[in-house]
Amino acid sequence: HELGHLWMGHESSLDTEAEILGGRARSSVRNSPVEVAAEVFAAHVLMPLHRVLPRMTALGYQKSDLQNPEAAYALSLWFGVSYRAMVWHLTSLKQVSSGLAERLLETAPKKIKQSVL
């Protein structure tokens, strides 16, 4: 994310206490065009399509398997990113629809872990 800011020549900034600790201020900042661009940059650096598709194959998943929260969760673990980040990035990679992403995110990672165990 921070590398994205540097790469795109964004101005430097300091995070406020509210941004660090969360809350409403954080969500408005995170939705700014500059922050969205940095998030997209980070997602494509960490989870490029040319790595996601082979990992899906290695895990035995096809695109249709991504309807299952466990498949998206397994990918998130392998890439070392949050479940939420993986699911939304799968939409940007055109592997799941935004409607499916919203349905996937209705299942919390804790529930996925419990079902696997």
PDB file of N, CA and C in Angstrom:
ATOM      1  N   HIS A   1       0.823  -1.183   0.000  1.00  0.00           N
ATOM      2  CA  HIS A   1       0.000   0.000   0.000  1.00  0.00           C
ATOM      3  C   HIS A   1       0.874   1.258   0.000  1.00  0.00           C
ATOM      4  N   GLU A   2       1.796   1.297   0.937  1.00  0.00           N
ATOM      5  CA  GLU A   2       2.669   2.485   1.016  1.00  0.00           C
ATOM      6  C   GLU A   2       3.561   2.583  -0.210  1.00  0.00           C
ATOM      7  N   LEU A   3       4.016   1.466  -0.724  1.00  0.00           N
ATOM      8  CA  LEU A   3       4.804   1.472  -1.957  1.00  0.00           C
ATOM      9  C   LEU A   3       3.981   2.047  -3.109  1.00  0.00           C
ATOM     10  N   GLY A   4       2.695   1.746  -3.121  1.00  0.00           N
ATOM     11  CA  GLY A   4       1.804   2.304  -4.138  1.00  0.00           C
ATOM     12  C   GLY A   4       1.761   3.823  -4.076  1.00  0.00           C
ATOM     13  N   HIS A   5       1.675   4.367  -2.871  1.00  0.00           N
ATOM     14  CA  HIS A   5       1.709   5.830  -2.725  1.00  0.00           C
ATOM     15  C   HIS A   5       3.003   6.385  -3.318  1.00  0.00           C
ATOM     16  N   LEU A   6       4.120   5.758  -2.996  1.00  0.00           N
ATOM     17  CA  LEU A   6       5.408   6.219  -3.501  1.00  0.00           C
ATOM     18  C   LEU A   6       5.466   6.106  -5.023  1.00  0.00           C
ATOM     19  N   TRP A   7       5.067   4.957  -5.551  1.00  0.00           N
ATOM     20  CA  TRP A   7       5.116   4.682  -6.991  1.00  0.00           C
ATOM     21  C   TRP A   7       4.273   5.684  -7.780  1.00  0.00           C
ATOM     22  N   MET A   8       3.096   6.029  -7.217  1.00  0.00           N
ATOM     23  CA  MET A   8       2.178   6.921  -7.923  1.00  0.00           C
ATOM     24  C   MET A   8       2.439   8.391  -7.626  1.00  0.00           C
ATOM     25  N   GLY A   9       3.465   8.686  -6.812  1.00  0.00           N
ATOM     26  CA  GLY A   9       3.843  10.070  -6.541  1.00  0.00           C
ATOM     27  C   GLY A   9       2.862  10.824  -5.668  1.00  0.00           C
ATOM     28  N   HIS A  10       2.133  10.095  -4.814  1.00  0.00           N
ATOM     29  CA  HIS A  10       1.202  10.784  -3.912  1.00  0.00           C
ATOM     30  C   HIS A  10       1.985  11.575  -2.865  1.00  0.00           C
ATOM     31  N   GLU A  11       1.369  12.651  -2.396  1.00  0.00           N
ATOM     32  CA  GLU A  11       1.996  13.443  -1.344  1.00  0.00           C
ATOM     33  C   GLU A  11       2.070  12.623  -0.061  1.00  0.00           C
ATOM     34  N   SER A  12       3.097  12.859   0.728  1.00  0.00           N
ATOM     35  CA  SER A  12       3.208  12.152   2.000  1.00  0.00           C
ATOM     36  C   SER A  12       2.195  12.728   2.982  1.00  0.00           C
ATOM     37  N   SER A  13       1.811  11.890   3.932  1.00  0.00           N
ATOM     38  CA  SER A  13       0.854  12.338   4.943  1.00  0.00           C
ATOM     39  C   SER A  13       1.100  11.570   6.227  1.00  0.00           C
ATOM     40  N   LEU A  14       0.578  12.102   7.304  1.00  0.00           N
ATOM     41  CA  LEU A  14       0.653  11.433   8.591  1.00  0.00           C
ATOM     42  C   LEU A  14      -0.740  10.964   8.964  1.00  0.00           C
ATOM     43  N   ASP A  15      -0.840   9.729   9.455  1.00  0.00           N
ATOM     44  CA  ASP A  15      -2.130   9.216   9.907  1.00  0.00           C
ATOM     45  C   ASP A  15      -2.505   9.873  11.222  1.00  0.00           C
ATOM     46  N   THR A  16      -3.783  10.217  11.344  1.00  0.00           N
ATOM     47  CA  THR A  16      -4.275  10.766  12.604  1.00  0.00           C
ATOM     48  C   THR A  16      -4.583   9.615  13.550  1.00  0.00           C
ATOM     49  N   GLU A  17      -4.773   9.942  14.808  1.00  0.00           N
ATOM     50  CA  GLU A  17      -5.123   8.918  15.797  1.00  0.00           C
ATOM     51  C   GLU A  17      -6.418   8.206  15.408  1.00  0.00           C
ATOM     52  N   ALA A  18      -7.395   8.950  14.903  1.00  0.00           N
ATOM     53  CA  ALA A  18      -8.681   8.363  14.501  1.00  0.00           C
ATOM     54  C   ALA A  18      -8.491   7.369  13.355  1.00  0.00           C
ATOM     55  N   GLU A  19      -7.605   7.690  12.413  1.00  0.00           N
ATOM     56  CA  GLU A  19      -7.355   6.789  11.286  1.00  0.00           C
ATOM     57  C   GLU A  19      -6.683   5.511  11.755  1.00  0.00           C
ATOM     58  N   ILE A  20      -5.782   5.624  12.684  1.00  0.00           N
ATOM     59  CA  ILE A  20      -5.062   4.456  13.189  1.00  0.00           C
ATOM     60  C   ILE A  20      -5.972   3.572  14.019  1.00  0.00           C
ATOM     61  N   LEU A  21      -6.792   4.195  14.876  1.00  0.00           N
ATOM     62  CA  LEU A  21      -7.631   3.434  15.796  1.00  0.00           C
ATOM     63  C   LEU A  21      -8.959   3.018  15.191  1.00  0.00           C
ATOM     64  N   GLY A  22      -9.302   3.522  14.017  1.00  0.00           N
ATOM     65  CA  GLY A  22     -10.542   3.120  13.358  1.00  0.00           C
ATOM     66  C   GLY A  22     -11.650   4.127  13.561  1.00  0.00           C
ATOM     67  N   GLY A  23     -12.829   3.700  13.201  1.00  0.00           N
ATOM     68  CA  GLY A  23     -13.996   4.564  13.347  1.00  0.00           C
ATOM     69  C   GLY A  23     -14.364   5.227  12.048  1.00  0.00           C
ATOM     70  N   ARG A  24     -15.266   6.187  12.138  1.00  0.00           N
ATOM     71  CA  ARG A  24     -15.813   6.849  10.951  1.00  0.00           C
ATOM     72  C   ARG A  24     -14.757   7.604  10.160  1.00  0.00           C
ATOM     73  N   ALA A  25     -13.851   8.269  10.831  1.00  0.00           N
ATOM     74  CA  ALA A  25     -12.824   9.048  10.125  1.00  0.00           C
ATOM     75  C   ALA A  25     -11.990   8.133   9.248  1.00  0.00           C
ATOM     76  N   ARG A  26     -11.707   6.953   9.735  1.00  0.00           N
ATOM     77  CA  ARG A  26     -10.892   6.013   8.970  1.00  0.00           C
ATOM     78  C   ARG A  26     -11.604   5.602   7.692  1.00  0.00           C
ATOM     79  N   SER A  27     -12.899   5.315   7.765  1.00  0.00           N
ATOM     80  CA  SER A  27     -13.606   4.854   6.579  1.00  0.00           C
ATOM     81  C   SER A  27     -13.667   5.933   5.505  1.00  0.00           C
ATOM     82  N   SER A  28     -13.822   7.198   5.896  1.00  0.00           N
ATOM     83  CA  SER A  28     -13.876   8.256   4.895  1.00  0.00           C
ATOM     84  C   SER A  28     -12.508   8.453   4.239  1.00  0.00           C
ATOM     85  N   VAL A  29     -11.440   8.325   5.009  1.00  0.00           N
ATOM     86  CA  VAL A  29     -10.100   8.449   4.454  1.00  0.00           C
ATOM     87  C   VAL A  29      -9.801   7.274   3.534  1.00  0.00           C
ATOM     88  N   ARG A  30     -10.167   6.065   3.955  1.00  0.00           N
ATOM     89  CA  ARG A  30      -9.874   4.865   3.173  1.00  0.00           C
ATOM     90  C   ARG A  30     -10.627   4.851   1.848  1.00  0.00           C
ATOM     91  N   ASN A  31     -11.699   5.629   1.729  1.00  0.00           N
ATOM     92  CA  ASN A  31     -12.464   5.684   0.490  1.00  0.00           C
ATOM     93  C   ASN A  31     -12.029   6.806  -0.431  1.00  0.00           C
ATOM     94  N   SER A  32     -11.019   7.574  -0.046  1.00  0.00           N
ATOM     95  CA  SER A  32     -10.549   8.651  -0.915  1.00  0.00           C
ATOM     96  C   SER A  32      -9.885   8.030  -2.145  1.00  0.00           C
ATOM     97  N   PRO A  33      -9.931   8.720  -3.279  1.00  0.00           N
ATOM     98  CA  PRO A  33      -9.331   8.173  -4.499  1.00  0.00           C
ATOM     99  C   PRO A  33      -7.861   7.782  -4.345  1.00  0.00           C
ATOM    100  N   VAL A  34      -7.114   8.569  -3.588  1.00  0.00           N
ATOM    101  CA  VAL A  34      -5.690   8.278  -3.386  1.00  0.00           C
ATOM    102  C   VAL A  34      -5.523   6.972  -2.611  1.00  0.00           C
ATOM    103  N   GLU A  35      -6.322   6.777  -1.561  1.00  0.00           N
ATOM    104  CA  GLU A  35      -6.233   5.546  -0.760  1.00  0.00           C
ATOM    105  C   GLU A  35      -6.720   4.332  -1.536  1.00  0.00           C
ATOM    106  N   VAL A  36      -7.783   4.506  -2.311  1.00  0.00           N
ATOM    107  CA  VAL A  36      -8.286   3.398  -3.128  1.00  0.00           C
ATOM    108  C   VAL A  36      -7.223   2.983  -4.139  1.00  0.00           C
ATOM    109  N   ALA A  37      -6.575   3.947  -4.751  1.00  0.00           N
ATOM    110  CA  ALA A  37      -5.523   3.636  -5.726  1.00  0.00           C
ATOM    111  C   ALA A  37      -4.385   2.863  -5.068  1.00  0.00           C
ATOM    112  N   ALA A  38      -4.000   3.261  -3.875  1.00  0.00           N
ATOM    113  CA  ALA A  38      -2.925   2.554  -3.160  1.00  0.00           C
ATOM    114  C   ALA A  38      -3.356   1.137  -2.801  1.00  0.00           C
ATOM    115  N   GLU A  39      -4.624   0.966  -2.408  1.00  0.00           N
ATOM    116  CA  GLU A  39      -5.138  -0.376  -2.082  1.00  0.00           C
ATOM    117  C   GLU A  39      -5.145  -1.267  -3.318  1.00  0.00           C
ATOM    118  N   VAL A  40      -5.578  -0.730  -4.440  1.00  0.00           N
ATOM    119  CA  VAL A  40      -5.610  -1.509  -5.689  1.00  0.00           C
ATOM    120  C   VAL A  40      -4.193  -1.890  -6.094  1.00  0.00           C
ATOM    121  N   PHE A  41      -3.288  -0.954  -6.002  1.00  0.00           N
ATOM    122  CA  PHE A  41      -1.879  -1.234  -6.312  1.00  0.00           C
ATOM    123  C   PHE A  41      -1.373  -2.393  -5.449  1.00  0.00           C
ATOM    124  N   ALA A  42      -1.610  -2.304  -4.147  1.00  0.00           N
ATOM    125  CA  ALA A  42      -1.144  -3.344  -3.226  1.00  0.00           C
ATOM    126  C   ALA A  42      -1.754  -4.695  -3.564  1.00  0.00           C
ATOM    127  N   ALA A  43      -3.035  -4.715  -3.865  1.00  0.00           N
ATOM    128  CA  ALA A  43      -3.707  -5.978  -4.190  1.00  0.00           C
ATOM    129  C   ALA A  43      -3.091  -6.624  -5.426  1.00  0.00           C
ATOM    130  N   HIS A  44      -2.814  -5.817  -6.438  1.00  0.00           N
ATOM    131  CA  HIS A  44      -2.244  -6.385  -7.668  1.00  0.00           C
ATOM    132  C   HIS A  44      -0.785  -6.788  -7.503  1.00  0.00           C
ATOM    133  N   VAL A  45      -0.076  -6.136  -6.593  1.00  0.00           N
ATOM    134  CA  VAL A  45       1.302  -6.551  -6.308  1.00  0.00           C
ATOM    135  C   VAL A  45       1.307  -7.856  -5.518  1.00  0.00           C
ATOM    136  N   LEU A  46       0.457  -7.943  -4.510  1.00  0.00           N
ATOM    137  CA  LEU A  46       0.432  -9.118  -3.636  1.00  0.00           C
ATOM    138  C   LEU A  46      -0.274 -10.326  -4.256  1.00  0.00           C
ATOM    139  N   MET A  47      -1.291 -10.063  -5.096  1.00  0.00           N
ATOM    140  CA  MET A  47      -2.129 -11.138  -5.622  1.00  0.00           C
ATOM    141  C   MET A  47      -2.362 -10.975  -7.123  1.00  0.00           C
ATOM    142  N   PRO A  48      -1.308 -10.996  -7.932  1.00  0.00           N
ATOM    143  CA  PRO A  48      -1.518 -10.815  -9.375  1.00  0.00           C
ATOM    144  C   PRO A  48      -2.241 -12.029  -9.973  1.00  0.00           C
ATOM    145  N   LEU A  49      -3.008 -11.774 -11.013  1.00  0.00           N
ATOM    146  CA  LEU A  49      -3.782 -12.839 -11.653  1.00  0.00           C
ATOM    147  C   LEU A  49      -2.891 -14.007 -12.062  1.00  0.00           C
ATOM    148  N   HIS A  50      -1.687 -13.711 -12.552  1.00  0.00           N
ATOM    149  CA  HIS A  50      -0.812 -14.793 -13.007  1.00  0.00           C
ATOM    150  C   HIS A  50      -0.277 -15.647 -11.850  1.00  0.00           C
ATOM    151  N   ARG A  51      -0.566 -15.267 -10.626  1.00  0.00           N
ATOM    152  CA  ARG A  51      -0.245 -16.091  -9.444  1.00  0.00           C
ATOM    153  C   ARG A  51      -1.517 -16.694  -8.830  1.00  0.00           C
ATOM    154  N   VAL A  52      -2.618 -15.958  -8.897  1.00  0.00           N
ATOM    155  CA  VAL A  52      -3.864 -16.439  -8.304  1.00  0.00           C
ATOM    156  C   VAL A  52      -4.383 -17.662  -9.048  1.00  0.00           C
ATOM    157  N   LEU A  53      -4.428 -17.594 -10.374  1.00  0.00           N
ATOM    158  CA  LEU A  53      -4.980 -18.726 -11.140  1.00  0.00           C
ATOM    159  C   LEU A  53      -4.182 -20.019 -10.944  1.00  0.00           C
ATOM    160  N   PRO A  54      -2.849 -19.989 -11.010  1.00  0.00           N
ATOM    161  CA  PRO A  54      -2.107 -21.234 -10.752  1.00  0.00           C
ATOM    162  C   PRO A  54      -2.281 -21.735  -9.313  1.00  0.00           C
ATOM    163  N   ARG A  55      -2.420 -20.822  -8.355  1.00  0.00           N
ATOM    164  CA  ARG A  55      -2.618 -21.252  -6.968  1.00  0.00           C
ATOM    165  C   ARG A  55      -3.972 -21.919  -6.812  1.00  0.00           C
ATOM    166  N   MET A  56      -4.989 -21.394  -7.500  1.00  0.00           N
ATOM    167  CA  MET A  56      -6.296 -22.035  -7.474  1.00  0.00           C
ATOM    168  C   MET A  56      -6.183 -23.466  -8.001  1.00  0.00           C
ATOM    169  N   THR A  57      -5.485 -23.627  -9.102  1.00  0.00           N
ATOM    170  CA  THR A  57      -5.306 -24.960  -9.694  1.00  0.00           C
ATOM    171  C   THR A  57      -4.548 -25.866  -8.733  1.00  0.00           C
ATOM    172  N   ALA A  58      -3.496 -25.357  -8.131  1.00  0.00           N
ATOM    173  CA  ALA A  58      -2.695 -26.163  -7.194  1.00  0.00           C
ATOM    174  C   ALA A  58      -3.519 -26.607  -5.990  1.00  0.00           C
ATOM    175  N   LEU A  59      -4.469 -25.762  -5.573  1.00  0.00           N
ATOM    176  CA  LEU A  59      -5.334 -26.113  -4.453  1.00  0.00           C
ATOM    177  C   LEU A  59      -6.523 -26.972  -4.885  1.00  0.00           C
ATOM    178  N   GLY A  60      -6.626 -27.224  -6.196  1.00  0.00           N
ATOM    179  CA  GLY A  60      -7.705 -28.051  -6.718  1.00  0.00           C
ATOM    180  C   GLY A  60      -9.005 -27.306  -6.923  1.00  0.00           C
ATOM    181  N   TYR A  61      -8.937 -25.978  -7.038  1.00  0.00           N
ATOM    182  CA  TYR A  61     -10.143 -25.170  -7.194  1.00  0.00           C
ATOM    183  C   TYR A  61     -10.322 -24.735  -8.640  1.00  0.00           C
ATOM    184  N   GLN A  62     -11.577 -24.701  -9.038  1.00  0.00           N
ATOM    185  CA  GLN A  62     -11.972 -24.072 -10.294  1.00  0.00           C
ATOM    186  C   GLN A  62     -12.723 -22.801  -9.941  1.00  0.00           C
ATOM    187  N   LYS A  63     -12.990 -21.974 -10.932  1.00  0.00           N
ATOM    188  CA  LYS A  63     -13.683 -20.710 -10.685  1.00  0.00           C
ATOM    189  C   LYS A  63     -14.999 -20.943  -9.945  1.00  0.00           C
ATOM    190  N   SER A  64     -15.712 -21.992 -10.292  1.00  0.00           N
ATOM    191  CA  SER A  64     -17.003 -22.275  -9.646  1.00  0.00           C
ATOM    192  C   SER A  64     -16.843 -22.588  -8.156  1.00  0.00           C
ATOM    193  N   ASP A  65     -15.681 -23.076  -7.738  1.00  0.00           N
ATOM    194  CA  ASP A  65     -15.442 -23.385  -6.328  1.00  0.00           C
ATOM    195  C   ASP A  65     -15.363 -22.134  -5.457  1.00  0.00           C
ATOM    196  N   LEU A  66     -15.149 -20.984  -6.090  1.00  0.00           N
ATOM    197  CA  LEU A  66     -15.024 -19.742  -5.327  1.00  0.00           C
ATOM    198  C   LEU A  66     -16.351 -19.298  -4.726  1.00  0.00           C
ATOM    199  N   GLN A  67     -17.427 -19.992  -5.031  1.00  0.00           N
ATOM    200  CA  GLN A  67     -18.706 -19.719  -4.374  1.00  0.00           C
ATOM    201  C   GLN A  67     -18.671 -20.194  -2.926  1.00  0.00           C
ATOM    202  N   ASN A  68     -17.699 -21.022  -2.617  1.00  0.00           N
ATOM    203  CA  ASN A  68     -17.527 -21.596  -1.290  1.00  0.00           C
ATOM    204  C   ASN A  68     -16.559 -20.711  -0.491  1.00  0.00           C
ATOM    205  N   PRO A  69     -16.973 -20.199   0.661  1.00  0.00           N
ATOM    206  CA  PRO A  69     -16.083 -19.335   1.452  1.00  0.00           C
ATOM    207  C   PRO A  69     -14.754 -20.004   1.805  1.00  0.00           C
ATOM    208  N   GLU A  70     -14.750 -21.320   1.978  1.00  0.00           N
ATOM    209  CA  GLU A  70     -13.511 -22.017   2.329  1.00  0.00           C
ATOM    210  C   GLU A  70     -12.444 -21.868   1.240  1.00  0.00           C
ATOM    211  N   ALA A  71     -12.868 -21.836  -0.028  1.00  0.00           N
ATOM    212  CA  ALA A  71     -11.914 -21.689  -1.131  1.00  0.00           C
ATOM    213  C   ALA A  71     -11.266 -20.303  -1.105  1.00  0.00           C
ATOM    214  N   ALA A  72     -12.091 -19.276  -0.934  1.00  0.00           N
ATOM    215  CA  ALA A  72     -11.545 -17.916  -0.869  1.00  0.00           C
ATOM    216  C   ALA A  72     -10.655 -17.756   0.363  1.00  0.00           C
ATOM    217  N   TYR A  73     -11.059 -18.395   1.457  1.00  0.00           N
ATOM    218  CA  TYR A  73     -10.268 -18.308   2.683  1.00  0.00           C
ATOM    219  C   TYR A  73      -8.907 -18.990   2.497  1.00  0.00           C
ATOM    220  N   ALA A  74      -8.897 -20.153   1.853  1.00  0.00           N
ATOM    221  CA  ALA A  74      -7.638 -20.858   1.602  1.00  0.00           C
ATOM    222  C   ALA A  74      -6.697 -19.998   0.758  1.00  0.00           C
ATOM    223  N   LEU A  75      -7.245 -19.321  -0.236  1.00  0.00           N
ATOM    224  CA  LEU A  75      -6.421 -18.424  -1.047  1.00  0.00           C
ATOM    225  C   LEU A  75      -5.871 -17.272  -0.208  1.00  0.00           C
ATOM    226  N   SER A  76      -6.709 -16.724   0.660  1.00  0.00           N
ATOM    227  CA  SER A  76      -6.245 -15.608   1.496  1.00  0.00           C
ATOM    228  C   SER A  76      -5.092 -16.040   2.392  1.00  0.00           C
ATOM    229  N   LEU A  77      -5.182 -17.256   2.924  1.00  0.00           N
ATOM    230  CA  LEU A  77      -4.092 -17.763   3.764  1.00  0.00           C
ATOM    231  C   LEU A  77      -2.809 -17.909   2.962  1.00  0.00           C
ATOM    232  N   TRP A  78      -2.923 -18.458   1.763  1.00  0.00           N
ATOM    233  CA  TRP A  78      -1.724 -18.691   0.958  1.00  0.00           C
ATOM    234  C   TRP A  78      -1.050 -17.379   0.571  1.00  0.00           C
ATOM    235  N   PHE A  79      -1.863 -16.366   0.244  1.00  0.00           N
ATOM    236  CA  PHE A  79      -1.294 -15.074  -0.161  1.00  0.00           C
ATOM    237  C   PHE A  79      -0.951 -14.179   1.027  1.00  0.00           C
ATOM    238  N   GLY A  80      -1.342 -14.585   2.223  1.00  0.00           N
ATOM    239  CA  GLY A  80      -1.009 -13.808   3.409  1.00  0.00           C
ATOM    240  C   GLY A  80      -1.759 -12.498   3.506  1.00  0.00           C
ATOM    241  N   VAL A  81      -3.006 -12.505   3.046  1.00  0.00           N
ATOM    242  CA  VAL A  81      -3.830 -11.299   3.093  1.00  0.00           C
ATOM    243  C   VAL A  81      -5.115 -11.616   3.840  1.00  0.00           C
ATOM    244  N   SER A  82      -5.862 -10.598   4.184  1.00  0.00           N
ATOM    245  CA  SER A  82      -7.123 -10.828   4.883  1.00  0.00           C
ATOM    246  C   SER A  82      -8.129 -11.492   3.943  1.00  0.00           C
ATOM    247  N   TYR A  83      -9.066 -12.177   4.555  1.00  0.00           N
ATOM    248  CA  TYR A  83     -10.156 -12.809   3.790  1.00  0.00           C
ATOM    249  C   TYR A  83     -10.901 -11.749   2.985  1.00  0.00           C
ATOM    250  N   ARG A  84     -11.197 -10.622   3.610  1.00  0.00           N
ATOM    251  CA  ARG A  84     -11.913  -9.530   2.950  1.00  0.00           C
ATOM    252  C   ARG A  84     -11.131  -9.026   1.730  1.00  0.00           C
ATOM    253  N   ALA A  85      -9.829  -8.820   1.889  1.00  0.00           N
ATOM    254  CA  ALA A  85      -9.000  -8.340   0.776  1.00  0.00           C
ATOM    255  C   ALA A  85      -8.999  -9.350  -0.369  1.00  0.00           C
ATOM    256  N   MET A  86      -8.908 -10.632  -0.031  1.00  0.00           N
ATOM    257  CA  MET A  86      -8.895 -11.662  -1.069  1.00  0.00           C
ATOM    258  C   MET A  86     -10.212 -11.686  -1.828  1.00  0.00           C
ATOM    259  N   VAL A  87     -11.310 -11.654  -1.091  1.00  0.00           N
ATOM    260  CA  VAL A  87     -12.628 -11.713  -1.741  1.00  0.00           C
ATOM    261  C   VAL A  87     -12.818 -10.525  -2.674  1.00  0.00           C
ATOM    262  N   TRP A  88     -12.531  -9.317  -2.202  1.00  0.00           N
ATOM    263  CA  TRP A  88     -12.731  -8.145  -3.064  1.00  0.00           C
ATOM    264  C   TRP A  88     -11.771  -8.154  -4.241  1.00  0.00           C
ATOM    265  N   HIS A  89     -10.571  -8.643  -4.020  1.00  0.00           N
ATOM    266  CA  HIS A  89      -9.636  -8.694  -5.147  1.00  0.00           C
ATOM    267  C   HIS A  89     -10.079  -9.714  -6.189  1.00  0.00           C
ATOM    268  N   LEU A  90     -10.705 -10.793  -5.747  1.00  0.00           N
ATOM    269  CA  LEU A  90     -11.243 -11.756  -6.713  1.00  0.00           C
ATOM    270  C   LEU A  90     -12.281 -11.112  -7.624  1.00  0.00           C
ATOM    271  N   THR A  91     -12.976 -10.091  -7.128  1.00  0.00           N
ATOM    272  CA  THR A  91     -13.912  -9.378  -8.006  1.00  0.00           C
ATOM    273  C   THR A  91     -13.145  -8.564  -9.035  1.00  0.00           C
ATOM    274  N   SER A  92     -12.058  -7.913  -8.615  1.00  0.00           N
ATOM    275  CA  SER A  92     -11.287  -7.106  -9.569  1.00  0.00           C
ATOM    276  C   SER A  92     -10.600  -7.988 -10.616  1.00  0.00           C
ATOM    277  N   LEU A  93     -10.340  -9.238 -10.249  1.00  0.00           N
ATOM    278  CA  LEU A  93      -9.749 -10.189 -11.197  1.00  0.00           C
ATOM    279  C   LEU A  93     -10.810 -10.895 -12.042  1.00  0.00           C
ATOM    280  N   LYS A  94     -12.068 -10.511 -11.843  1.00  0.00           N
ATOM    281  CA  LYS A  94     -13.202 -11.071 -12.584  1.00  0.00           C
ATOM    282  C   LYS A  94     -13.371 -12.576 -12.344  1.00  0.00           C
ATOM    283  N   GLN A  95     -13.071 -12.995 -11.118  1.00  0.00           N
ATOM    284  CA  GLN A  95     -13.248 -14.397 -10.747  1.00  0.00           C
ATOM    285  C   GLN A  95     -14.555 -14.608  -9.988  1.00  0.00           C
ATOM    286  N   VAL A  96     -15.050 -13.566  -9.326  1.00  0.00           N
ATOM    287  CA  VAL A  96     -16.353 -13.602  -8.663  1.00  0.00           C
ATOM    288  C   VAL A  96     -17.062 -12.272  -8.918  1.00  0.00           C
ATOM    289  N   SER A  97     -18.383 -12.302  -8.879  1.00  0.00           N
ATOM    290  CA  SER A  97     -19.169 -11.077  -9.042  1.00  0.00           C
ATOM    291  C   SER A  97     -19.183 -10.308  -7.720  1.00  0.00           C
ATOM    292  N   SER A  98     -19.547  -9.045  -7.788  1.00  0.00           N
ATOM    293  CA  SER A  98     -19.621  -8.264  -6.545  1.00  0.00           C
ATOM    294  C   SER A  98     -20.731  -8.801  -5.650  1.00  0.00           C
ATOM    295  N   GLY A  99     -21.814  -9.303  -6.237  1.00  0.00           N
ATOM    296  CA  GLY A  99     -22.881  -9.907  -5.439  1.00  0.00           C
ATOM    297  C   GLY A  99     -22.400 -11.138  -4.703  1.00  0.00           C
ATOM    298  N   LEU A 100     -21.620 -11.979  -5.396  1.00  0.00           N
ATOM    299  CA  LEU A 100     -21.062 -13.169  -4.746  1.00  0.00           C
ATOM    300  C   LEU A 100     -20.076 -12.752  -3.663  1.00  0.00           C
ATOM    301  N   ALA A 101     -19.283 -11.727  -3.927  1.00  0.00           N
ATOM    302  CA  ALA A 101     -18.328 -11.254  -2.920  1.00  0.00           C
ATOM    303  C   ALA A 101     -19.061 -10.840  -1.646  1.00  0.00           C
ATOM    304  N   GLU A 102     -20.147 -10.120  -1.797  1.00  0.00           N
ATOM    305  CA  GLU A 102     -20.914  -9.703  -0.627  1.00  0.00           C
ATOM    306  C   GLU A 102     -21.464 -10.912   0.128  1.00  0.00           C
ATOM    307  N   ARG A 103     -21.922 -11.927  -0.609  1.00  0.00           N
ATOM    308  CA  ARG A 103     -22.414 -13.144   0.045  1.00  0.00           C
ATOM    309  C   ARG A 103     -21.281 -13.877   0.761  1.00  0.00           C
ATOM    310  N   LEU A 104     -20.113 -13.951   0.123  1.00  0.00           N
ATOM    311  CA  LEU A 104     -18.968 -14.601   0.760  1.00  0.00           C
ATOM    312  C   LEU A 104     -18.597 -13.906   2.059  1.00  0.00           C
ATOM    313  N   LEU A 105     -18.643 -12.574   2.043  1.00  0.00           N
ATOM    314  CA  LEU A 105     -18.242 -11.811   3.222  1.00  0.00           C
ATOM    315  C   LEU A 105     -19.254 -11.877   4.359  1.00  0.00           C
ATOM    316  N   GLU A 106     -20.429 -12.425   4.081  1.00  0.00           N
ATOM    317  CA  GLU A 106     -21.402 -12.652   5.158  1.00  0.00           C
ATOM    318  C   GLU A 106     -20.918 -13.763   6.092  1.00  0.00           C
ATOM    319  N   THR A 107     -20.011 -14.610   5.587  1.00  0.00           N
ATOM    320  CA  THR A 107     -19.428 -15.667   6.407  1.00  0.00           C
ATOM    321  C   THR A 107     -18.121 -15.155   6.987  1.00  0.00           C
ATOM    322  N   ALA A 108     -18.085 -15.019   8.287  1.00  0.00           N
ATOM    323  CA  ALA A 108     -16.887 -14.512   8.963  1.00  0.00           C
ATOM    324  C   ALA A 108     -15.777 -15.558   8.932  1.00  0.00           C
ATOM    325  N   PRO A 109     -14.525 -15.125   8.838  1.00  0.00           N
ATOM    326  CA  PRO A 109     -13.412 -16.071   8.869  1.00  0.00           C
ATOM    327  C   PRO A 109     -13.469 -17.027  10.063  1.00  0.00           C
ATOM    328  N   LYS A 110     -13.948 -16.552  11.205  1.00  0.00           N
ATOM    329  CA  LYS A 110     -14.052 -17.417  12.388  1.00  0.00           C
ATOM    330  C   LYS A 110     -14.955 -18.611  12.104  1.00  0.00           C
ATOM    331  N   LYS A 111     -16.077 -18.374  11.412  1.00  0.00           N
ATOM    332  CA  LYS A 111     -16.988 -19.473  11.065  1.00  0.00           C
ATOM    333  C   LYS A 111     -16.333 -20.431  10.074  1.00  0.00           C
ATOM    334  N   ILE A 112     -15.569 -19.887   9.142  1.00  0.00           N
ATOM    335  CA  ILE A 112     -14.886 -20.729   8.163  1.00  0.00           C
ATOM    336  C   ILE A 112     -13.887 -21.629   8.879  1.00  0.00           C
ATOM    337  N   LYS A 113     -13.128 -21.062   9.803  1.00  0.00           N
ATOM    338  CA  LYS A 113     -12.164 -21.850  10.571  1.00  0.00           C
ATOM    339  C   LYS A 113     -12.871 -22.952  11.351  1.00  0.00           C
ATOM    340  N   GLN A 114     -14.001 -22.620  11.959  1.00  0.00           N
ATOM    341  CA  GLN A 114     -14.743 -23.616  12.744  1.00  0.00           C
ATOM    342  C   GLN A 114     -15.265 -24.737  11.855  1.00  0.00           C
ATOM    343  N   SER A 115     -15.719 -24.399  10.650  1.00  0.00           N
ATOM    344  CA  SER A 115     -16.240 -25.433   9.768  1.00  0.00           C
ATOM    345  C   SER A 115     -15.133 -26.343   9.244  1.00  0.00           C
ATOM    346  N   VAL A 116     -13.951 -25.797   9.061  1.00  0.00           N
ATOM    347  CA  VAL A 116     -12.814 -26.597   8.606  1.00  0.00           C
ATOM    348  C   VAL A 116     -12.350 -27.554   9.698  1.00  0.00           C
ATOM    349  N   LEU A 117     -12.388 -27.086  10.941  1.00  0.00           N
ATOM    350  CA  LEU A 117     -11.972 -27.910  12.058  1.00  0.00           C
ATOM    351  C   LEU A 117     -13.013 -28.965  12.362  1.00  0.00           C
TER     352      LEU A 117
END
